[in-house]
């Protein structure tokens, strides 16, 4: 059954994604194409994947009528068989069981990819932000946003210290150890490739780049970490 996303919520979802003309958006289960078309009107390159061929044909006609067919494309396909790993923004309005089936694919995308869902969640992957539209929307009026986190779980070397990181989606815990002294990590969180945590009274922030992290502690002291093998 197809239920259209309210246009007011479409606008809010794209606002939450901080969509720019440099973005590549994919809408999974794109229906009548309104999310893709709205993104194209904002200058982004947008792609819709929809299983129903009649809806694909309707979306293409609407995109042409709106003058954005050069930036808005639609394909009839199964979202679970489609490759959309180059997208920087993913939008969807799917039931929770479908969201959970997609979750491993979404988490494997490039860190920093923004995912915005109409109403439905991703199981135990808590959203980074949720917002409700109260004007111009009667049903299905909540948007949830996630940012794909970098994968940091494991052991890292920070000078003569060892940083052990545990990760549950964007939440980070662990410890910083030097000799026999072990400092627990608190307030650990990832925002795409950006990591932050507190250990021993110091506030660490950094950028994750593959097997390296570079940043500052307490805003001034540089620190780097290198992932240890295994």
C-alpha atoms as a PDB file:
ATOM      1  CA  UNK A   1       0.000   0.000   0.000  1.00  0.00           C
ATOM      2  CA  UNK A   2       1.313   3.435  -0.944  1.00  0.00           C
ATOM      3  CA  UNK A   3       0.810   6.419   1.352  1.00  0.00           C
ATOM      4  CA  UNK A   4       2.316   9.715   0.141  1.00  0.00           C
ATOM      5  CA  UNK A   5       4.635  11.695   2.392  1.00  0.00           C
ATOM      6  CA  UNK A   6       3.065  15.018   3.274  1.00  0.00           C
ATOM      7  CA  UNK A   7       4.830  17.852   1.430  1.00  0.00           C
ATOM      8  CA  UNK A   8       5.404  19.771   4.666  1.00  0.00           C
ATOM      9  CA  UNK A   9       7.217  16.742   6.054  1.00  0.00           C
ATOM     10  CA  UNK A  10       9.206  16.319   2.840  1.00  0.00           C
ATOM     11  CA  UNK A  11      10.466  19.861   3.301  1.00  0.00           C
ATOM     12  CA  UNK A  12      11.348  19.212   6.939  1.00  0.00           C
ATOM     13  CA  UNK A  13      13.143  15.956   6.100  1.00  0.00           C
ATOM     14  CA  UNK A  14      15.333  17.689   3.539  1.00  0.00           C
ATOM     15  CA  UNK A  15      16.000  20.513   5.976  1.00  0.00           C
ATOM     16  CA  UNK A  16      17.078  17.982   8.613  1.00  0.00           C
ATOM     17  CA  UNK A  17      19.365  16.323   6.064  1.00  0.00           C
ATOM     18  CA  UNK A  18      20.919  19.758   5.382  1.00  0.00           C
ATOM     19  CA  UNK A  19      20.581  19.011   1.687  1.00  0.00           C
ATOM     20  CA  UNK A  20      22.841  21.020  -0.623  1.00  0.00           C
ATOM     21  CA  UNK A  21      23.230  21.178  -4.423  1.00  0.00           C
ATOM     22  CA  UNK A  22      26.377  19.075  -3.994  1.00  0.00           C
ATOM     23  CA  UNK A  23      24.421  16.163  -2.505  1.00  0.00           C
ATOM     24  CA  UNK A  24      23.342  12.958  -4.191  1.00  0.00           C
ATOM     25  CA  UNK A  25      19.998  11.876  -2.752  1.00  0.00           C
ATOM     26  CA  UNK A  26      18.294   8.519  -3.136  1.00  0.00           C
ATOM     27  CA  UNK A  27      14.693   7.965  -2.049  1.00  0.00           C
ATOM     28  CA  UNK A  28      13.897   4.311  -1.321  1.00  0.00           C
ATOM     29  CA  UNK A  29      10.318   3.529  -2.259  1.00  0.00           C
ATOM     30  CA  UNK A  30       9.917   6.852  -4.032  1.00  0.00           C
ATOM     31  CA  UNK A  31       6.179   6.597  -4.824  1.00  0.00           C
ATOM     32  CA  UNK A  32       4.940   9.616  -6.736  1.00  0.00           C
ATOM     33  CA  UNK A  33       8.431  11.139  -6.654  1.00  0.00           C
ATOM     34  CA  UNK A  34       7.697  14.194  -4.535  1.00  0.00           C
ATOM     35  CA  UNK A  35      10.783  13.829  -2.308  1.00  0.00           C
ATOM     36  CA  UNK A  36      13.082  13.367  -5.306  1.00  0.00           C
ATOM     37  CA  UNK A  37      11.478  16.259  -7.183  1.00  0.00           C
ATOM     38  CA  UNK A  38      11.688  18.568  -4.167  1.00  0.00           C
ATOM     39  CA  UNK A  39      15.363  17.676  -3.710  1.00  0.00           C
ATOM     40  CA  UNK A  40      16.011  18.366  -7.401  1.00  0.00           C
ATOM     41  CA  UNK A  41      14.325  21.755  -7.067  1.00  0.00           C
ATOM     42  CA  UNK A  42      16.849  22.510  -4.326  1.00  0.00           C
ATOM     43  CA  UNK A  43      19.650  21.763  -6.781  1.00  0.00           C
ATOM     44  CA  UNK A  44      20.618  18.271  -5.647  1.00  0.00           C
ATOM     45  CA  UNK A  45      21.027  15.263  -7.912  1.00  0.00           C
ATOM     46  CA  UNK A  46      18.169  12.996  -6.836  1.00  0.00           C
ATOM     47  CA  UNK A  47      17.205   9.423  -7.648  1.00  0.00           C
ATOM     48  CA  UNK A  48      14.087   7.464  -6.786  1.00  0.00           C
ATOM     49  CA  UNK A  49      13.871   3.676  -6.559  1.00  0.00           C
ATOM     50  CA  UNK A  50      10.311   2.334  -6.727  1.00  0.00           C
ATOM     51  CA  UNK A  51       8.935  -1.163  -7.338  1.00  0.00           C
ATOM     52  CA  UNK A  52       5.597  -0.075  -8.855  1.00  0.00           C
ATOM     53  CA  UNK A  53       6.110   0.787 -12.556  1.00  0.00           C
ATOM     54  CA  UNK A  54       2.968   2.933 -12.674  1.00  0.00           C
ATOM     55  CA  UNK A  55       4.324   5.143  -9.867  1.00  0.00           C
ATOM     56  CA  UNK A  56       7.672   5.399 -11.670  1.00  0.00           C
ATOM     57  CA  UNK A  57       5.894   6.581 -14.829  1.00  0.00           C
ATOM     58  CA  UNK A  58       3.882   9.129 -12.829  1.00  0.00           C
ATOM     59  CA  UNK A  59       7.013  10.440 -11.098  1.00  0.00           C
ATOM     60  CA  UNK A  60       8.816  10.852 -14.417  1.00  0.00           C
ATOM     61  CA  UNK A  61       5.907  12.799 -15.891  1.00  0.00           C
ATOM     62  CA  UNK A  62       5.752  15.060 -12.845  1.00  0.00           C
ATOM     63  CA  UNK A  63       9.508  15.689 -12.907  1.00  0.00           C
ATOM     64  CA  UNK A  64       9.264  16.682 -16.573  1.00  0.00           C
ATOM     65  CA  UNK A  65       6.318  18.979 -15.861  1.00  0.00           C
ATOM     66  CA  UNK A  66       8.284  20.604 -13.020  1.00  0.00           C
ATOM     67  CA  UNK A  67      11.328  21.063 -15.265  1.00  0.00           C
ATOM     68  CA  UNK A  68      13.749  19.025 -13.121  1.00  0.00           C
ATOM     69  CA  UNK A  69      14.080  15.839 -15.167  1.00  0.00           C
ATOM     70  CA  UNK A  70      17.795  16.554 -15.683  1.00  0.00           C
ATOM     71  CA  UNK A  71      18.402  16.210 -11.931  1.00  0.00           C
ATOM     72  CA  UNK A  72      15.568  13.851 -10.927  1.00  0.00           C
ATOM     73  CA  UNK A  73      15.674  10.255 -12.160  1.00  0.00           C
ATOM     74  CA  UNK A  74      13.465   7.280 -11.345  1.00  0.00           C
ATOM     75  CA  UNK A  75      13.924   3.569 -11.791  1.00  0.00           C
ATOM     76  CA  UNK A  76      11.671   0.583 -11.341  1.00  0.00           C
ATOM     77  CA  UNK A  77      13.629  -1.784  -9.097  1.00  0.00           C
ATOM     78  CA  UNK A  78      13.774  -3.705  -5.831  1.00  0.00           C
ATOM     79  CA  UNK A  79      15.441  -1.528  -3.179  1.00  0.00           C
ATOM     80  CA  UNK A  80      17.099  -4.634  -1.701  1.00  0.00           C
ATOM     81  CA  UNK A  81      18.719  -5.414  -5.045  1.00  0.00           C
ATOM     82  CA  UNK A  82      19.776  -1.844  -5.851  1.00  0.00           C
ATOM     83  CA  UNK A  83      23.165  -0.194  -5.444  1.00  0.00           C
ATOM     84  CA  UNK A  84      22.944   3.257  -3.858  1.00  0.00           C
ATOM     85  CA  UNK A  85      26.203   3.349  -1.909  1.00  0.00           C
ATOM     86  CA  UNK A  86      27.311   6.590  -3.598  1.00  0.00           C
ATOM     87  CA  UNK A  87      24.380   8.556  -2.131  1.00  0.00           C
ATOM     88  CA  UNK A  88      25.151  11.193   0.488  1.00  0.00           C
ATOM     89  CA  UNK A  89      21.499  11.440   1.613  1.00  0.00           C
ATOM     90  CA  UNK A  90      18.993   8.583   1.887  1.00  0.00           C
ATOM     91  CA  UNK A  91      15.293   9.230   2.464  1.00  0.00           C
ATOM     92  CA  UNK A  92      12.645   6.611   3.083  1.00  0.00           C
ATOM     93  CA  UNK A  93       9.085   5.993   4.217  1.00  0.00           C
ATOM     94  CA  UNK A  94       9.089   2.265   4.880  1.00  0.00           C
ATOM     95  CA  UNK A  95       7.686   0.055   7.614  1.00  0.00           C
ATOM     96  CA  UNK A  96       9.977  -0.778  10.548  1.00  0.00           C
ATOM     97  CA  UNK A  97      10.734  -4.345   9.411  1.00  0.00           C
ATOM     98  CA  UNK A  98      11.963  -3.035   6.050  1.00  0.00           C
ATOM     99  CA  UNK A  99      14.041  -0.358   7.778  1.00  0.00           C
ATOM    100  CA  UNK A 100      15.694  -3.045   9.900  1.00  0.00           C
ATOM    101  CA  UNK A 101      16.420  -5.171   6.828  1.00  0.00           C
ATOM    102  CA  UNK A 102      18.075  -2.135   5.223  1.00  0.00           C
ATOM    103  CA  UNK A 103      20.020  -1.192   8.362  1.00  0.00           C
ATOM    104  CA  UNK A 104      23.184  -3.249   7.619  1.00  0.00           C
ATOM    105  CA  UNK A 105      23.367  -1.744   4.130  1.00  0.00           C
ATOM    106  CA  UNK A 106      22.897   1.775   5.492  1.00  0.00           C
ATOM    107  CA  UNK A 107      25.534   1.310   8.204  1.00  0.00           C
ATOM    108  CA  UNK A 108      28.013   0.139   5.548  1.00  0.00           C
ATOM    109  CA  UNK A 109      27.676   3.420   3.638  1.00  0.00           C
ATOM    110  CA  UNK A 110      30.261   6.182   3.829  1.00  0.00           C
ATOM    111  CA  UNK A 111      30.497   7.751   7.296  1.00  0.00           C
ATOM    112  CA  UNK A 112      28.620  11.038   7.333  1.00  0.00           C
ATOM    113  CA  UNK A 113      25.826   9.838   5.041  1.00  0.00           C
ATOM    114  CA  UNK A 114      22.541  11.292   6.301  1.00  0.00           C
ATOM    115  CA  UNK A 115      19.463   9.091   6.536  1.00  0.00           C
ATOM    116  CA  UNK A 116      16.011  10.557   7.129  1.00  0.00           C
ATOM    117  CA  UNK A 117      12.889   8.463   7.686  1.00  0.00           C
ATOM    118  CA  UNK A 118       9.247   9.430   7.708  1.00  0.00           C
ATOM    119  CA  UNK A 119       7.830   8.194  11.052  1.00  0.00           C
ATOM    120  CA  UNK A 120       9.419   4.749  11.300  1.00  0.00           C
ATOM    121  CA  UNK A 121      12.566   3.844  13.235  1.00  0.00           C
ATOM    122  CA  UNK A 122      15.556   1.529  12.722  1.00  0.00           C
ATOM    123  CA  UNK A 123      15.095  -0.908  15.595  1.00  0.00           C
ATOM    124  CA  UNK A 124      17.652  -0.295  18.340  1.00  0.00           C
ATOM    125  CA  UNK A 125      19.623   2.213  16.257  1.00  0.00           C
ATOM    126  CA  UNK A 126      18.443   5.382  17.948  1.00  0.00           C
ATOM    127  CA  UNK A 127      18.076   8.491  15.733  1.00  0.00           C
ATOM    128  CA  UNK A 128      20.404  11.453  16.170  1.00  0.00           C
ATOM    129  CA  UNK A 129      17.472  13.817  15.782  1.00  0.00           C
ATOM    130  CA  UNK A 130      13.681  13.654  15.609  1.00  0.00           C
ATOM    131  CA  UNK A 131      11.222  16.410  14.742  1.00  0.00           C
ATOM    132  CA  UNK A 132       7.478  16.714  14.317  1.00  0.00           C
ATOM    133  CA  UNK A 133       5.692  18.898  11.792  1.00  0.00           C
ATOM    134  CA  UNK A 134       2.613  20.446  13.393  1.00  0.00           C
ATOM    135  CA  UNK A 135       1.441  22.733  10.593  1.00  0.00           C
ATOM    136  CA  UNK A 136       0.153  21.444   7.283  1.00  0.00           C
ATOM    137  CA  UNK A 137       0.470  17.773   8.246  1.00  0.00           C
ATOM    138  CA  UNK A 138      -2.225  15.509   9.728  1.00  0.00           C
ATOM    139  CA  UNK A 139      -0.748  11.985   9.695  1.00  0.00           C
ATOM    140  CA  UNK A 140       2.780  10.560   9.555  1.00  0.00           C
ATOM    141  CA  UNK A 141       4.294  13.881  10.581  1.00  0.00           C
ATOM    142  CA  UNK A 142       7.512  12.865  12.383  1.00  0.00           C
ATOM    143  CA  UNK A 143      10.949  12.797  10.775  1.00  0.00           C
ATOM    144  CA  UNK A 144      13.937  10.910  12.169  1.00  0.00           C
ATOM    145  CA  UNK A 145      17.546  11.535  11.133  1.00  0.00           C
ATOM    146  CA  UNK A 146      20.614   9.342  11.503  1.00  0.00           C
ATOM    147  CA  UNK A 147      24.205  10.004  10.467  1.00  0.00           C
ATOM    148  CA  UNK A 148      26.181   6.908   9.448  1.00  0.00           C
ATOM    149  CA  UNK A 149      29.005   6.611  12.006  1.00  0.00           C
ATOM    150  CA  UNK A 150      32.613   5.712  11.307  1.00  0.00           C
ATOM    151  CA  UNK A 151      33.641   2.264  12.518  1.00  0.00           C
ATOM    152  CA  UNK A 152      36.004   2.745  15.473  1.00  0.00           C
ATOM    153  CA  UNK A 153      35.582  -0.354  17.638  1.00  0.00           C
ATOM    154  CA  UNK A 154      38.930  -1.883  18.555  1.00  0.00           C
ATOM    155  CA  UNK A 155      42.303  -0.985  19.999  1.00  0.00           C
ATOM    156  CA  UNK A 156      44.141   2.236  19.175  1.00  0.00           C
ATOM    157  CA  UNK A 157      47.599   3.520  20.092  1.00  0.00           C
ATOM    158  CA  UNK A 158      47.770   7.101  21.385  1.00  0.00           C
ATOM    159  CA  UNK A 159      51.466   7.807  21.999  1.00  0.00           C
ATOM    160  CA  UNK A 160      52.361   5.515  24.914  1.00  0.00           C
ATOM    161  CA  UNK A 161      48.692   5.007  25.794  1.00  0.00           C
ATOM    162  CA  UNK A 162      46.213   2.420  24.595  1.00  0.00           C
ATOM    163  CA  UNK A 163      42.716   3.500  23.644  1.00  0.00           C
ATOM    164  CA  UNK A 164      40.131   0.707  23.697  1.00  0.00           C
ATOM    165  CA  UNK A 165      36.886   1.646  21.986  1.00  0.00           C
ATOM    166  CA  UNK A 166      33.551  -0.147  22.052  1.00  0.00           C
ATOM    167  CA  UNK A 167      30.799   0.994  19.720  1.00  0.00           C
ATOM    168  CA  UNK A 168      27.010   0.649  19.630  1.00  0.00           C
ATOM    169  CA  UNK A 169      26.091   2.536  16.461  1.00  0.00           C
ATOM    170  CA  UNK A 170      26.977   6.187  17.227  1.00  0.00           C
ATOM    171  CA  UNK A 171      27.548   5.606  20.971  1.00  0.00           C
ATOM    172  CA  UNK A 172      31.152   5.026  22.051  1.00  0.00           C
ATOM    173  CA  UNK A 173      32.508   3.645  25.328  1.00  0.00           C
ATOM    174  CA  UNK A 174      35.798   2.123  26.444  1.00  0.00           C
ATOM    175  CA  UNK A 175      38.961   3.133  28.268  1.00  0.00           C
ATOM    176  CA  UNK A 176      42.273   4.956  27.948  1.00  0.00           C
ATOM    177  CA  UNK A 177      45.141   3.070  29.573  1.00  0.00           C
ATOM    178  CA  UNK A 178      48.711   4.057  30.405  1.00  0.00           C
ATOM    179  CA  UNK A 179      50.753   1.552  32.364  1.00  0.00           C
ATOM    180  CA  UNK A 180      48.630   0.363  35.278  1.00  0.00           C
ATOM    181  CA  UNK A 181      46.313   3.377  35.134  1.00  0.00           C
ATOM    182  CA  UNK A 182      42.997   2.946  33.312  1.00  0.00           C
ATOM    183  CA  UNK A 183      40.638   5.846  32.674  1.00  0.00           C
ATOM    184  CA  UNK A 184      37.042   5.082  31.649  1.00  0.00           C
ATOM    185  CA  UNK A 185      35.575   6.880  28.653  1.00  0.00           C
ATOM    186  CA  UNK A 186      32.366   8.848  29.173  1.00  0.00           C
ATOM    187  CA  UNK A 187      30.102  10.890  26.891  1.00  0.00           C
ATOM    188  CA  UNK A 188      31.478   9.114  23.828  1.00  0.00           C
ATOM    189  CA  UNK A 189      29.703   9.756  20.551  1.00  0.00           C
ATOM    190  CA  UNK A 190      30.241   9.711  16.798  1.00  0.00           C
ATOM    191  CA  UNK A 191      28.792  12.151  14.291  1.00  0.00           C
ATOM    192  CA  UNK A 192      29.855  10.613  11.008  1.00  0.00           C
ATOM    193  CA  UNK A 193      33.660  10.781  11.040  1.00  0.00           C
ATOM    194  CA  UNK A 194      33.766  13.116  14.036  1.00  0.00           C
ATOM    195  CA  UNK A 195      34.375  11.495  17.429  1.00  0.00           C
ATOM    196  CA  UNK A 196      34.199  12.982  20.898  1.00  0.00           C
ATOM    197  CA  UNK A 197      34.648  11.549  24.384  1.00  0.00           C
ATOM    198  CA  UNK A 198      35.917  12.425  27.858  1.00  0.00           C
ATOM    199  CA  UNK A 199      38.666  10.560  29.727  1.00  0.00           C
ATOM    200  CA  UNK A 200      40.549  11.639  32.831  1.00  0.00           C
ATOM    201  CA  UNK A 201      38.884  15.042  32.854  1.00  0.00           C
ATOM    202  CA  UNK A 202      40.005  15.801  29.294  1.00  0.00           C
ATOM    203  CA  UNK A 203      37.578  16.369  26.454  1.00  0.00           C
ATOM    204  CA  UNK A 204      38.816  14.711  23.269  1.00  0.00           C
ATOM    205  CA  UNK A 205      37.493  15.535  19.807  1.00  0.00           C
ATOM    206  CA  UNK A 206      38.841  14.227  16.531  1.00  0.00           C
ATOM    207  CA  UNK A 207      38.255  13.196  12.943  1.00  0.00           C
ATOM    208  CA  UNK A 208      38.377   9.528  11.983  1.00  0.00           C
ATOM    209  CA  UNK A 209      40.111   8.748   8.699  1.00  0.00           C
ATOM    210  CA  UNK A 210      40.361   5.014   8.139  1.00  0.00           C
ATOM    211  CA  UNK A 211      42.899   3.719  10.653  1.00  0.00           C
ATOM    212  CA  UNK A 212      43.820   7.116  12.087  1.00  0.00           C
ATOM    213  CA  UNK A 213      42.210   9.713  14.321  1.00  0.00           C
ATOM    214  CA  UNK A 214      43.491  13.282  14.625  1.00  0.00           C
ATOM    215  CA  UNK A 215      42.157  15.968  16.899  1.00  0.00           C
ATOM    216  CA  UNK A 216      42.612  18.013  20.044  1.00  0.00           C
ATOM    217  CA  UNK A 217      42.115  17.493  23.772  1.00  0.00           C
ATOM    218  CA  UNK A 218      40.575  20.321  25.772  1.00  0.00           C
ATOM    219  CA  UNK A 219      40.548  22.388  22.610  1.00  0.00           C
ATOM    220  CA  UNK A 220      44.302  22.988  22.388  1.00  0.00           C
ATOM    221  CA  UNK A 221      46.418  19.843  22.856  1.00  0.00           C
ATOM    222  CA  UNK A 222      46.889  17.850  19.639  1.00  0.00           C
ATOM    223  CA  UNK A 223      46.391  14.099  19.801  1.00  0.00           C
ATOM    224  CA  UNK A 224      46.534  11.292  17.254  1.00  0.00           C
ATOM    225  CA  UNK A 225      45.541   7.655  17.393  1.00  0.00           C
ATOM    226  CA  UNK A 226      46.500   4.754  15.158  1.00  0.00           C
ATOM    227  CA  UNK A 227      44.403   1.599  14.938  1.00  0.00           C
ATOM    228  CA  UNK A 228      46.267  -1.495  16.088  1.00  0.00           C
ATOM    229  CA  UNK A 229      46.132  -4.637  13.903  1.00  0.00           C
ATOM    230  CA  UNK A 230      43.396  -7.084  14.761  1.00  0.00           C
END
